[in-house]
Amino acid sequence: MANSHAAVQIGAVIFDPAAGELRAADGQAQMLRPQTAKVLAHLAAHAGEVVTKDALMEAVWQGTHVTDDSLVQCISEIRKALGPVEGKRLKTIPKTGYRLDGSSADSAATARPVRKRRALFAALLVVAGLVAIAAGTWASRPAAPESPIRVAVLPFRNMSPDPDQSYLSNGVAEDLIVSLSQLSDLQVVSRGTSFAVETEGRDMREVAKTLRADVLLDGSVRRLDDALRVSASLVDGKTGANLWAERYEGSAEDMFRFQDEVLGELVRVLSVRLSRAERERLGIRGTTSIAAHDAYLRGRELENLYTNETNLAAEAALSEALRHDPGFALAHAHLSQVYSFRVENRWTRTEAADIAAAFREAEAAVALDPGLPFAHFALGRLYTRSFGADAEKAIAHYEAALALDPNYDDAYMFLANVFIFNGEAERAVPMIAQGFERNPIPPYWYHLAEGMAQYFLGDYPAAEAALVRARDQNPTAPFPYRFLIATYGRLGDLDQAEWTAMEYEALGRSATVKDLLDTASIQDPSYRAAFAEGFRAAGLPED
């Protein structure tokens, strides 16, 4: 066991336990919260050993009662402070605890050259091109790293004269995200995260730091009549240097070929090792119809605009895609989500028919392509909702999605919701931590899930903090207000409870105990009772 007070080297980062300070290779220092520093000090003192959660909590909090979430928060802060590379040294050991690997003076000397050799080799491959591959350099590429390379695909810029062609440029980037997410050598930032970052005029190194990405894929699309030009470049997130760049020119019919060539180049430049199943999977295209693909991209763009009008337009575009190709699984899965959004947001005039259509399309997607993570996610999502609640089936489909794509951040969070809705908030906490770990720019409903879990675990101050973040991030969403009302009731803060109920009613909702329970997705009787008690403590009328 190492001296818990001595400075420890964790890869390229120096940790001073006595000061609670981390210092990066460039000399930049940052302070950790006292509890977080104690957790890291204890892990560093037992480097290479599995430290149980109970042992950590006893060492840091010394008999003070805290929930597991306090430890999870510290672990998350440590990984964030260590950064995207060194943070991977802190391993979660399922159902046991944590292990800090490589915290020694030797680790920094061995960790960097692998990445440098990899970057150098990638650069040589770009220079040598296909001739070098043919000469046999492919077979001599360096071993794959222990941790996957984290890739962020940024929204491609629309360079077409018509601004409405943005659906095409965004769609090209989304297609690449879907394809790259199938490769176990890579950890791909989700579309919702990478598209949320402002990139205009920013240093690419800053963008990479925000997304915790090792490399960024940037590009543009220009379509004029039938002429098509796609440009793409791969940027080193650490240095901002281009690792690879290419421009493809042809007709609209060449779109699929362009995307395949970009994928092939990324696999080559990043030295990605493909299993046989991954090679086969990369060769599968959702559709061979250019018309179906174009309509699908339009529908996908409209689906993300999230209004009643665009929801109807998304249905029309995705239905058009399926008329061109009835076997297009992704189009079925997204059409299912369009119907689900319609019901959830009360945009529907034919609720029963829309619910049936949502299930029909999601089931078709899974049947057509069982290896498509989003198909399982879409069906699991339906089984999570109050109109189709089936916890066992929801869990099965989320777990299937995560088996196919272990970095599917939204699937972790929806799985957490299933646990919460069915009376198992303690099982939701690690899922929530996994979601936050993978998504550096979490949407409001991540904070909502965290707040819901803390409410039912009885940590009302933590629930309030998370729910306020959710409300502030999306002040027009009703869900955070519901839990905030109950939370303020539990905290005895009746002024805040009354004000929050008024804000909720300003959204066109009814703040009575009955109506709030009727709109809740909570299935577990004891949780529903705990929810109702929060509303009653807040002074809400029964009906």
Protein backbone atom coordinates (compact mmCIF):
# COMPACT_ATOMS: atom_id res chain seq x y z
CA MET A 1 0.00 0.00 0.00
CA ALA A 2 1.35 3.41 -1.01
CA ASN A 3 1.89 6.35 1.33
CA SER A 4 -1.49 8.16 1.31
CA HIS A 5 0.21 11.55 1.82
CA ALA A 6 2.90 11.28 -0.88
CA ALA A 7 2.39 12.85 -4.31
CA VAL A 8 1.14 10.30 -6.82
CA GLN A 9 1.60 10.24 -10.58
CA ILE A 10 -1.51 9.11 -12.48
CA GLY A 11 -0.37 8.88 -16.06
CA ALA A 12 0.63 12.43 -17.01
CA VAL A 13 -1.15 13.97 -14.00
CA ILE A 14 0.36 14.57 -10.54
CA PHE A 15 -1.96 14.29 -7.53
CA ASP A 16 -1.02 15.89 -4.21
CA PRO A 17 -3.28 14.22 -1.59
CA ALA A 18 -2.29 16.65 1.17
CA ALA A 19 -3.30 19.69 -0.89
CA GLY A 20 -6.15 17.98 -2.76
CA GLU A 21 -4.63 19.26 -6.01
CA LEU A 22 -4.23 17.76 -9.47
CA ARG A 23 -1.53 19.15 -11.74
CA ALA A 24 -1.50 18.38 -15.47
CA ALA A 25 1.62 17.96 -17.61
CA ASP A 26 1.33 21.58 -18.79
CA GLY A 27 1.47 22.77 -15.19
CA GLN A 28 -2.23 23.67 -14.96
CA ALA A 29 -3.61 22.89 -11.49
CA GLN A 30 -7.11 22.32 -10.21
CA MET A 31 -8.44 21.75 -6.71
CA LEU A 32 -10.76 18.91 -5.80
CA ARG A 33 -13.55 19.07 -3.24
CA PRO A 34 -12.32 17.70 0.13
CA GLN A 35 -14.41 14.51 -0.07
CA THR A 36 -13.43 13.95 -3.70
CA ALA A 37 -9.75 14.40 -2.84
CA LYS A 38 -10.09 11.89 0.01
CA VAL A 39 -11.69 9.33 -2.31
CA LEU A 40 -8.86 9.72 -4.84
CA ALA A 41 -6.23 9.58 -2.07
CA HIS A 42 -7.67 6.31 -0.76
CA LEU A 43 -7.80 4.80 -4.25
CA ALA A 44 -4.24 5.97 -4.96
CA ALA A 45 -3.05 4.47 -1.68
CA HIS A 46 -4.49 1.15 -2.88
CA ALA A 47 -3.48 1.51 -6.54
CA GLY A 48 -4.14 -1.60 -8.59
CA GLU A 49 -6.43 -3.03 -5.91
CA VAL A 50 -10.20 -3.28 -5.98
CA VAL A 51 -11.58 -1.03 -3.22
CA THR A 52 -15.16 -1.77 -2.23
CA LYS A 53 -17.78 0.95 -1.99
CA ASP A 54 -18.22 0.24 1.71
CA ALA A 55 -14.49 0.60 2.35
CA LEU A 56 -14.36 3.90 0.47
CA MET A 57 -17.39 5.32 2.26
CA GLU A 58 -16.03 4.32 5.65
CA ALA A 59 -12.59 5.78 4.89
CA VAL A 60 -13.97 9.09 3.62
CA TRP A 61 -17.16 9.70 5.60
CA GLN A 62 -16.19 7.66 8.69
CA GLY A 63 -19.57 6.52 9.90
CA THR A 64 -21.58 9.52 8.67
CA HIS A 65 -24.68 8.28 6.84
CA VAL A 66 -24.57 9.19 3.15
CA THR A 67 -26.12 7.62 0.08
CA ASP A 68 -24.16 5.82 -2.63
CA ASP A 69 -24.78 8.85 -4.83
CA SER A 70 -22.30 10.88 -2.78
CA LEU A 71 -19.58 8.41 -3.71
CA VAL A 72 -20.74 8.23 -7.34
CA GLN A 73 -20.52 12.02 -7.56
CA CYS A 74 -16.95 11.96 -6.23
CA ILE A 75 -15.96 9.27 -8.74
CA SER A 76 -17.49 11.30 -11.55
CA GLU A 77 -15.61 14.44 -10.43
CA ILE A 78 -12.32 12.51 -10.28
CA ARG A 79 -12.73 11.20 -13.82
CA LYS A 80 -13.66 14.63 -15.09
CA ALA A 81 -10.66 16.23 -13.37
CA LEU A 82 -8.25 13.58 -14.66
CA GLY A 83 -9.46 14.18 -18.20
CA PRO A 84 -10.58 11.91 -21.05
CA VAL A 85 -7.34 9.93 -21.21
CA GLU A 86 -6.17 9.52 -17.62
CA GLY A 87 -9.76 9.34 -16.34
CA LYS A 88 -10.03 5.92 -17.98
CA ARG A 89 -7.59 4.60 -15.39
CA LEU A 90 -10.34 4.74 -12.76
CA LYS A 91 -12.27 1.53 -13.39
CA THR A 92 -15.71 0.62 -12.09
CA ILE A 93 -15.85 -2.97 -10.87
CA PRO A 94 -19.54 -3.98 -11.21
CA LYS A 95 -21.32 -4.79 -7.94
CA THR A 96 -18.05 -4.35 -6.01
CA GLY A 97 -16.30 -0.98 -6.11
CA TYR A 98 -13.49 0.78 -7.96
CA ARG A 99 -9.85 0.32 -8.97
CA LEU A 100 -7.27 2.97 -9.89
CA ASP A 101 -4.81 1.59 -12.43
CA GLY A 102 -1.36 2.85 -13.30
CA SER A 103 -0.90 5.38 -10.47
CA SER A 104 2.88 5.16 -10.31
CA ALA A 105 5.92 7.02 -11.57
CA ASP A 106 6.27 4.48 -14.37
CA SER A 107 2.75 4.88 -15.76
CA ALA A 108 3.33 8.22 -17.44
CA ALA A 109 6.39 6.92 -19.19
CA THR A 110 4.45 4.02 -20.68
CA ALA A 111 1.10 5.66 -21.36
CA ARG A 112 2.14 8.43 -23.73
CA PRO A 113 4.30 6.61 -26.30
CA VAL A 114 1.43 4.33 -27.33
CA ARG A 115 -0.70 7.33 -28.28
CA LYS A 116 2.26 9.06 -29.94
CA ARG A 117 3.19 5.99 -31.93
CA ARG A 118 -0.46 5.64 -32.91
CA ALA A 119 -0.70 9.25 -34.09
CA LEU A 120 2.60 8.98 -35.97
CA PHE A 121 1.54 5.79 -37.64
CA ALA A 122 -1.78 7.32 -38.65
CA ALA A 123 0.06 10.28 -40.16
CA LEU A 124 2.37 7.95 -42.10
CA LEU A 125 -0.63 6.07 -43.41
CA VAL A 126 -2.17 9.29 -44.68
CA VAL A 127 1.05 10.16 -46.53
CA ALA A 128 1.60 6.68 -47.87
CA GLY A 129 -2.05 6.13 -48.81
CA LEU A 130 -3.40 3.00 -50.37
CA VAL A 131 -0.04 2.10 -51.91
CA ALA A 132 1.45 1.67 -48.44
CA ILE A 133 -1.47 -0.48 -47.37
CA ALA A 134 -0.99 -2.68 -50.40
CA ALA A 135 2.70 -2.96 -49.48
CA GLY A 136 1.78 -4.55 -46.19
CA THR A 137 1.92 -1.74 -43.62
CA TRP A 138 -1.67 -2.48 -42.60
CA ALA A 139 -0.58 -5.76 -41.09
CA SER A 140 2.08 -4.03 -38.99
CA ARG A 141 -0.15 -1.38 -37.41
CA PRO A 142 0.26 -0.92 -33.63
CA ALA A 143 -1.79 -2.83 -31.13
CA ALA A 144 -5.20 -1.40 -30.26
CA PRO A 145 -5.19 0.67 -27.05
CA GLU A 146 -6.69 -0.65 -23.85
CA SER A 147 -9.34 2.07 -23.83
CA PRO A 148 -11.42 2.97 -26.90
CA ILE A 149 -10.64 6.15 -28.80
CA ARG A 150 -13.36 8.72 -28.15
CA VAL A 151 -14.64 10.21 -31.41
CA ALA A 152 -17.00 13.16 -31.79
CA VAL A 153 -18.69 13.69 -35.15
CA LEU A 154 -19.62 17.36 -35.44
CA PRO A 155 -22.62 18.52 -37.50
CA PHE A 156 -21.46 18.93 -41.09
CA ARG A 157 -21.83 22.45 -42.47
CA ASN A 158 -24.40 23.10 -45.17
CA MET A 159 -22.53 24.79 -48.03
CA SER A 160 -25.46 24.50 -50.46
CA PRO A 161 -27.07 27.70 -51.79
CA ASP A 162 -30.36 26.44 -50.33
CA PRO A 163 -30.40 26.71 -46.49
CA ASP A 164 -33.10 24.03 -46.37
CA GLN A 165 -30.45 21.49 -47.43
CA SER A 166 -29.17 21.46 -43.83
CA TYR A 167 -31.07 18.21 -43.29
CA LEU A 168 -28.64 16.58 -45.74
CA SER A 169 -25.45 17.87 -44.11
CA ASN A 170 -26.71 16.98 -40.62
CA GLY A 171 -27.88 13.61 -41.91
CA VAL A 172 -24.47 12.70 -43.31
CA ALA A 173 -22.95 13.32 -39.87
CA GLU A 174 -25.69 11.31 -38.15
CA ASP A 175 -25.19 8.36 -40.51
CA LEU A 176 -21.50 8.35 -39.65
CA ILE A 177 -22.31 8.41 -35.91
CA VAL A 178 -24.59 5.38 -36.32
CA SER A 179 -21.94 3.44 -38.28
CA LEU A 180 -18.99 4.32 -36.04
CA SER A 181 -20.97 3.43 -32.91
CA GLN A 182 -20.90 -0.20 -34.04
CA LEU A 183 -17.12 -0.45 -33.58
CA SER A 184 -15.85 -1.64 -30.20
CA ASP A 185 -12.48 0.08 -30.70
CA LEU A 186 -14.23 3.45 -30.64
CA GLN A 187 -16.33 5.37 -28.13
CA VAL A 188 -18.56 7.69 -30.15
CA VAL A 189 -20.11 10.81 -28.66
CA SER A 190 -23.87 10.78 -29.16
CA ARG A 191 -25.58 12.96 -31.72
CA GLY A 192 -27.41 14.98 -29.08
CA THR A 193 -24.12 15.84 -27.39
CA SER A 194 -21.88 16.60 -30.36
CA PHE A 195 -24.59 18.62 -32.12
CA ALA A 196 -25.17 20.73 -28.99
CA VAL A 197 -21.68 22.25 -29.00
CA GLU A 198 -21.12 25.63 -30.62
CA THR A 199 -18.15 25.26 -32.99
CA GLU A 200 -18.29 28.48 -35.02
CA GLY A 201 -15.03 30.39 -34.54
CA ARG A 202 -13.82 28.10 -31.73
CA ASP A 203 -10.46 26.41 -31.48
CA MET A 204 -10.96 22.73 -32.22
CA ARG A 205 -8.93 21.86 -29.13
CA GLU A 206 -11.52 23.64 -26.98
CA VAL A 207 -14.33 21.78 -28.72
CA ALA A 208 -12.56 18.46 -28.14
CA LYS A 209 -12.03 19.32 -24.47
CA THR A 210 -15.72 20.18 -24.06
CA LEU A 211 -16.74 16.88 -25.63
CA ARG A 212 -13.94 14.92 -23.90
CA ALA A 213 -13.02 13.66 -27.38
CA ASP A 214 -9.67 12.34 -28.56
CA VAL A 215 -10.48 13.16 -32.19
CA LEU A 216 -13.09 15.24 -34.01
CA LEU A 217 -14.64 14.51 -37.41
CA ASP A 218 -15.67 17.73 -39.12
CA GLY A 219 -17.00 18.33 -42.61
CA SER A 220 -19.36 20.00 -45.04
CA VAL A 221 -21.85 19.09 -47.76
CA ARG A 222 -22.76 21.05 -50.89
CA ARG A 223 -25.53 19.98 -53.24
CA LEU A 224 -26.52 21.98 -56.30
CA ASP A 225 -29.07 20.28 -58.56
CA ASP A 226 -27.56 16.79 -59.04
CA ALA A 227 -23.98 17.78 -58.19
CA LEU A 228 -22.71 16.74 -54.76
CA ARG A 229 -19.53 17.58 -52.88
CA VAL A 230 -18.64 16.17 -49.45
CA SER A 231 -15.58 17.34 -47.53
CA ALA A 232 -14.37 15.69 -44.31
CA SER A 233 -11.41 16.06 -41.97
CA LEU A 234 -10.22 14.29 -38.85
CA VAL A 235 -8.70 16.54 -36.18
CA ASP A 236 -6.47 15.57 -33.26
CA GLY A 237 -8.28 16.84 -30.18
CA LYS A 238 -5.06 17.42 -28.27
CA THR A 239 -3.07 19.39 -30.86
CA GLY A 240 -5.76 20.62 -33.25
CA ALA A 241 -3.75 19.19 -36.17
CA ASN A 242 -5.42 17.51 -39.14
CA LEU A 243 -4.85 13.76 -39.14
CA TRP A 244 -6.65 13.27 -42.44
CA ALA A 245 -8.74 15.28 -44.90
CA GLU A 246 -10.45 14.52 -48.19
CA ARG A 247 -12.97 15.98 -50.61
CA TYR A 248 -15.34 13.87 -52.69
CA GLU A 249 -17.15 15.18 -55.76
CA GLY A 250 -19.80 13.48 -57.86
CA SER A 251 -23.56 13.24 -58.24
CA ALA A 252 -26.27 12.76 -55.62
CA GLU A 253 -26.22 9.05 -56.53
CA ASP A 254 -22.68 8.85 -55.12
CA MET A 255 -23.73 9.72 -51.54
CA PHE A 256 -23.50 6.16 -50.23
CA ARG A 257 -20.09 5.66 -51.84
CA PHE A 258 -18.80 8.87 -50.28
CA GLN A 259 -19.96 7.79 -46.82
CA ASP A 260 -18.38 4.35 -47.23
CA GLU A 261 -15.08 5.92 -48.27
CA VAL A 262 -15.08 8.26 -45.26
CA LEU A 263 -15.76 5.31 -42.94
CA GLY A 264 -12.98 3.30 -44.54
CA GLU A 265 -10.52 6.15 -44.13
CA LEU A 266 -11.42 6.64 -40.47
CA VAL A 267 -10.95 2.95 -39.75
CA ARG A 268 -7.57 3.11 -41.49
CA VAL A 269 -6.25 6.34 -39.97
CA LEU A 270 -7.32 5.42 -36.43
CA SER A 271 -5.96 1.87 -36.83
CA VAL A 272 -9.29 0.43 -35.75
CA ARG A 273 -9.29 -3.33 -35.41
CA LEU A 274 -12.50 -4.84 -36.75
CA SER A 275 -13.93 -8.15 -35.66
CA ARG A 276 -15.54 -10.30 -38.32
CA ALA A 277 -18.99 -9.29 -37.07
CA GLU A 278 -18.03 -5.60 -37.22
CA ARG A 279 -16.73 -5.96 -40.76
CA GLU A 280 -20.00 -7.58 -41.78
CA ARG A 281 -22.02 -4.97 -39.94
CA LEU A 282 -20.20 -2.07 -41.62
CA GLY A 283 -21.11 -3.58 -44.98
CA ILE A 284 -24.82 -3.42 -44.17
CA ARG A 285 -26.60 -0.27 -45.26
CA GLY A 286 -30.02 0.64 -43.89
CA THR A 287 -31.28 1.18 -47.43
CA THR A 288 -29.94 1.05 -50.96
CA SER A 289 -32.50 3.60 -52.13
CA ILE A 290 -31.20 7.16 -52.49
CA ALA A 291 -34.80 8.44 -52.47
CA ALA A 292 -35.61 6.55 -49.26
CA HIS A 293 -32.43 7.82 -47.64
CA ASP A 294 -33.12 11.44 -48.61
CA ALA A 295 -36.69 11.28 -47.25
CA TYR A 296 -35.40 9.63 -44.07
CA LEU A 297 -32.89 12.43 -43.50
CA ARG A 298 -35.63 15.03 -43.95
CA GLY A 299 -37.81 13.20 -41.47
CA ARG A 300 -34.99 12.87 -38.97
CA GLU A 301 -34.33 16.62 -39.10
CA LEU A 302 -38.02 17.44 -38.64
CA GLU A 303 -38.35 14.98 -35.76
CA ASN A 304 -35.67 16.88 -33.84
CA LEU A 305 -37.52 20.23 -34.15
CA TYR A 306 -40.08 18.92 -31.67
CA THR A 307 -43.31 20.82 -32.43
CA ASN A 308 -46.76 19.62 -33.41
CA GLU A 309 -46.34 20.87 -36.98
CA THR A 310 -42.87 19.42 -37.52
CA ASN A 311 -44.00 16.15 -35.94
CA LEU A 312 -46.67 15.79 -38.64
CA ALA A 313 -44.14 16.71 -41.33
CA ALA A 314 -41.68 14.16 -39.92
CA GLU A 315 -44.37 11.46 -40.14
CA ALA A 316 -44.96 12.34 -43.80
CA ALA A 317 -41.24 12.27 -44.68
CA LEU A 318 -40.52 8.99 -42.87
CA SER A 319 -43.61 7.39 -44.39
CA GLU A 320 -42.31 8.48 -47.80
CA ALA A 321 -38.98 6.82 -47.01
CA LEU A 322 -40.78 3.57 -46.22
CA ARG A 323 -42.79 3.74 -49.44
CA HIS A 324 -39.47 3.77 -51.28
CA ASP A 325 -38.03 1.00 -49.08
CA PRO A 326 -40.39 -0.88 -46.69
CA GLY A 327 -37.40 -2.73 -45.23
CA PHE A 328 -35.63 0.41 -43.96
CA ALA A 329 -35.36 -0.43 -40.21
CA LEU A 330 -34.05 2.97 -39.09
CA ALA A 331 -36.96 4.75 -40.75
CA HIS A 332 -39.40 2.42 -38.96
CA ALA A 333 -37.68 3.10 -35.60
CA HIS A 334 -37.77 6.88 -36.02
CA LEU A 335 -41.36 6.83 -37.23
CA SER A 336 -42.20 4.95 -34.02
CA GLN A 337 -40.59 7.73 -32.01
CA VAL A 338 -42.54 10.38 -33.95
CA TYR A 339 -45.82 8.69 -32.95
CA SER A 340 -44.61 8.34 -29.37
CA PHE A 341 -43.66 12.04 -29.15
CA ARG A 342 -47.11 12.93 -30.44
CA VAL A 343 -48.85 11.01 -27.66
CA GLU A 344 -46.48 12.17 -24.91
CA ASN A 345 -46.93 15.83 -25.83
CA ARG A 346 -50.72 15.60 -26.26
CA TRP A 347 -50.49 16.56 -29.93
CA THR A 348 -52.57 13.53 -30.86
CA ARG A 349 -56.22 13.49 -31.84
CA THR A 350 -56.27 9.71 -32.22
CA GLU A 351 -54.33 8.50 -29.19
CA ALA A 352 -55.13 4.79 -29.41
CA ALA A 353 -54.23 4.67 -33.11
CA ASP A 354 -50.96 6.58 -32.57
CA ILE A 355 -49.94 4.29 -29.69
CA ALA A 356 -50.65 1.23 -31.83
CA ALA A 357 -48.67 2.75 -34.71
CA ALA A 358 -45.71 3.49 -32.42
CA PHE A 359 -45.52 -0.14 -31.29
CA ARG A 360 -46.07 -1.45 -34.83
CA GLU A 361 -43.17 0.58 -36.25
CA ALA A 362 -40.74 -0.18 -33.38
CA GLU A 363 -41.50 -3.91 -33.55
CA ALA A 364 -40.98 -3.82 -37.33
CA ALA A 365 -37.59 -2.14 -36.83
CA VAL A 366 -36.41 -4.80 -34.37
CA ALA A 367 -37.68 -7.62 -36.61
CA LEU A 368 -35.96 -6.15 -39.68
CA ASP A 369 -32.65 -5.44 -37.93
CA PRO A 370 -32.14 -7.01 -34.48
CA GLY A 371 -28.59 -5.62 -34.47
CA LEU A 372 -29.74 -1.99 -34.58
CA PRO A 373 -29.34 -0.38 -31.13
CA PHE A 374 -31.82 2.42 -31.82
CA ALA A 375 -34.54 -0.08 -32.77
CA HIS A 376 -34.29 -1.69 -29.32
CA PHE A 377 -34.11 1.73 -27.71
CA ALA A 378 -37.29 2.88 -29.47
CA LEU A 379 -39.20 -0.22 -28.39
CA GLY A 380 -37.83 -0.07 -24.84
CA ARG A 381 -38.87 3.57 -24.68
CA LEU A 382 -42.48 2.63 -25.48
CA TYR A 383 -42.49 0.00 -22.75
CA THR A 384 -41.26 2.69 -20.34
CA ARG A 385 -44.18 5.03 -20.97
CA SER A 386 -47.38 4.91 -18.92
CA PHE A 387 -49.42 3.94 -22.01
CA GLY A 388 -47.34 0.78 -22.56
CA ALA A 389 -45.62 0.19 -19.23
CA ASP A 390 -43.90 -3.20 -19.07
CA ALA A 391 -40.72 -3.01 -17.00
CA GLU A 392 -39.46 -6.47 -17.92
CA LYS A 393 -39.69 -5.83 -21.67
CA ALA A 394 -38.30 -2.30 -21.35
CA ILE A 395 -35.25 -3.55 -19.42
CA ALA A 396 -34.68 -6.34 -21.96
CA HIS A 397 -34.63 -3.93 -24.90
CA TYR A 398 -32.43 -1.34 -23.17
CA GLU A 399 -29.98 -4.06 -22.21
CA ALA A 400 -30.02 -5.28 -25.82
CA ALA A 401 -29.27 -1.75 -27.03
CA LEU A 402 -26.39 -1.43 -24.54
CA ALA A 403 -24.98 -4.83 -25.49
CA LEU A 404 -24.84 -3.62 -29.10
CA ASP A 405 -23.55 -0.15 -28.16
CA PRO A 406 -22.06 0.01 -24.62
CA ASN A 407 -21.66 3.80 -24.96
CA TYR A 408 -25.34 4.51 -25.62
CA ASP A 409 -25.76 7.26 -23.00
CA ASP A 410 -29.51 7.75 -23.46
CA ALA A 411 -30.13 4.01 -23.03
CA TYR A 412 -28.44 4.13 -19.61
CA MET A 413 -30.68 7.01 -18.58
CA PHE A 414 -33.90 5.42 -19.80
CA LEU A 415 -32.93 2.20 -18.05
CA ALA A 416 -32.52 4.32 -14.91
CA ASN A 417 -36.03 5.67 -15.45
CA VAL A 418 -37.45 2.14 -15.61
CA PHE A 419 -35.81 1.32 -12.28
CA ILE A 420 -37.15 4.52 -10.72
CA PHE A 421 -40.69 4.04 -12.04
CA ASN A 422 -40.73 0.52 -10.63
CA GLY A 423 -39.48 1.21 -7.12
CA GLU A 424 -35.74 0.57 -7.50
CA ALA A 425 -34.12 4.00 -7.32
CA GLU A 426 -30.96 2.51 -5.83
CA ARG A 427 -30.44 0.51 -9.06
CA ALA A 428 -30.94 3.69 -11.08
CA VAL A 429 -28.02 5.55 -9.45
CA PRO A 430 -25.17 3.67 -11.22
CA MET A 431 -27.04 3.87 -14.54
CA ILE A 432 -27.36 7.64 -14.11
CA ALA A 433 -23.64 7.87 -13.36
CA GLN A 434 -22.88 5.94 -16.56
CA GLY A 435 -25.05 8.31 -18.59
CA PHE A 436 -23.44 11.43 -17.15
CA GLU A 437 -19.98 9.95 -17.62
CA ARG A 438 -20.59 9.50 -21.35
CA ASN A 439 -22.40 12.77 -21.97
CA PRO A 440 -20.47 15.93 -21.04
CA ILE A 441 -23.37 18.15 -22.12
CA PRO A 442 -26.37 16.33 -20.62
CA PRO A 443 -29.91 17.39 -21.59
CA TYR A 444 -32.37 18.45 -18.93
CA TRP A 445 -33.94 15.03 -18.53
CA TYR A 446 -30.63 13.57 -17.28
CA HIS A 447 -30.84 15.95 -14.33
CA LEU A 448 -34.53 15.05 -14.01
CA ALA A 449 -33.65 11.37 -13.66
CA GLU A 450 -31.04 12.22 -11.04
CA GLY A 451 -33.57 14.32 -9.14
CA MET A 452 -36.25 11.63 -9.26
CA ALA A 453 -33.84 9.01 -7.94
CA GLN A 454 -32.73 11.24 -5.07
CA TYR A 455 -36.35 12.08 -4.19
CA PHE A 456 -37.26 8.43 -3.73
CA LEU A 457 -34.01 7.72 -1.91
CA GLY A 458 -34.97 10.46 0.56
CA ASP A 459 -32.11 12.87 -0.19
CA TYR A 460 -34.32 15.91 -0.77
CA PRO A 461 -31.55 18.57 -0.89
CA ALA A 462 -29.79 16.58 -3.63
CA ALA A 463 -33.11 16.09 -5.40
CA GLU A 464 -33.79 19.84 -5.29
CA ALA A 465 -30.36 20.68 -6.73
CA ALA A 466 -30.76 18.26 -9.66
CA LEU A 467 -34.37 19.25 -10.37
CA VAL A 468 -33.52 22.96 -10.36
CA ARG A 469 -30.83 22.24 -12.97
CA ALA A 470 -33.40 20.36 -15.05
CA ARG A 471 -35.99 23.13 -14.76
CA ASP A 472 -33.50 25.88 -15.56
CA GLN A 473 -32.23 24.01 -18.59
CA ASN A 474 -35.72 23.47 -19.99
CA PRO A 475 -38.21 25.79 -18.24
CA THR A 476 -41.11 24.76 -20.52
CA ALA A 477 -40.94 21.05 -19.66
CA PRO A 478 -43.53 20.14 -17.00
CA PHE A 479 -41.75 17.15 -15.48
CA PRO A 480 -39.16 18.92 -13.27
CA TYR A 481 -41.90 21.11 -11.75
CA ARG A 482 -43.88 18.06 -10.62
CA PHE A 483 -40.99 16.64 -8.64
CA LEU A 484 -39.91 20.05 -7.40
CA ILE A 485 -43.36 20.63 -5.88
CA ALA A 486 -43.16 17.30 -4.02
CA THR A 487 -39.53 17.96 -3.03
CA TYR A 488 -40.32 21.39 -1.57
CA GLY A 489 -43.18 19.78 0.30
CA ARG A 490 -40.81 17.25 1.84
CA LEU A 491 -38.35 20.02 2.71
CA GLY A 492 -41.12 22.04 4.35
CA ASP A 493 -40.50 24.99 2.02
CA LEU A 494 -44.14 25.87 1.38
CA ASP A 495 -43.40 29.23 -0.25
CA GLN A 496 -41.27 27.61 -2.93
CA ALA A 497 -43.79 24.79 -3.31
CA GLU A 498 -46.61 27.28 -3.89
CA TRP A 499 -44.56 29.31 -6.37
CA THR A 500 -43.51 26.17 -8.28
CA ALA A 501 -47.14 24.99 -8.43
CA MET A 502 -48.10 28.34 -9.90
CA GLU A 503 -45.36 28.04 -12.54
CA TYR A 504 -46.59 24.53 -13.34
CA GLU A 505 -50.14 25.77 -13.80
CA ALA A 506 -48.82 28.55 -16.04
CA LEU A 507 -47.76 25.77 -18.43
CA GLY A 508 -51.42 24.81 -18.76
CA ARG A 509 -51.28 21.96 -16.25
CA SER A 510 -53.42 21.14 -13.23
CA ALA A 511 -51.65 21.14 -9.85
CA THR A 512 -53.86 18.79 -7.87
CA VAL A 513 -52.75 15.58 -6.21
CA LYS A 514 -55.06 13.52 -8.44
CA ASP A 515 -53.99 15.11 -11.73
CA LEU A 516 -50.31 15.00 -10.86
CA LEU A 517 -50.54 11.30 -10.05
CA ASP A 518 -52.60 10.61 -13.18
CA THR A 519 -49.82 12.07 -15.35
CA ALA A 520 -46.99 10.31 -13.49
CA SER A 521 -45.15 7.33 -14.98
CA ILE A 522 -44.44 5.93 -11.49
CA GLN A 523 -45.74 2.35 -11.32
CA ASP A 524 -44.59 1.19 -7.89
CA PRO A 525 -47.38 1.64 -5.28
CA SER A 526 -45.01 2.69 -2.48
CA TYR A 527 -43.34 5.27 -4.72
CA ARG A 528 -46.70 6.61 -5.85
CA ALA A 529 -47.67 6.97 -2.21
CA ALA A 530 -44.38 8.78 -1.45
CA PHE A 531 -44.98 11.06 -4.43
CA ALA A 532 -48.52 11.85 -3.24
CA GLU A 533 -47.30 12.60 0.27
CA GLY A 534 -44.90 15.16 -1.14
CA PHE A 535 -47.77 16.92 -2.91
CA ARG A 536 -49.90 16.87 0.24
CA ALA A 537 -47.02 18.21 2.31
CA ALA A 538 -46.78 21.03 -0.26
CA GLY A 539 -50.43 21.92 0.50
CA LEU A 540 -51.92 20.94 -2.88
CA PRO A 541 -55.65 20.19 -3.12
CA GLU A 542 -56.63 16.56 -3.64
CA ASP A 543 -58.83 17.20 -6.70
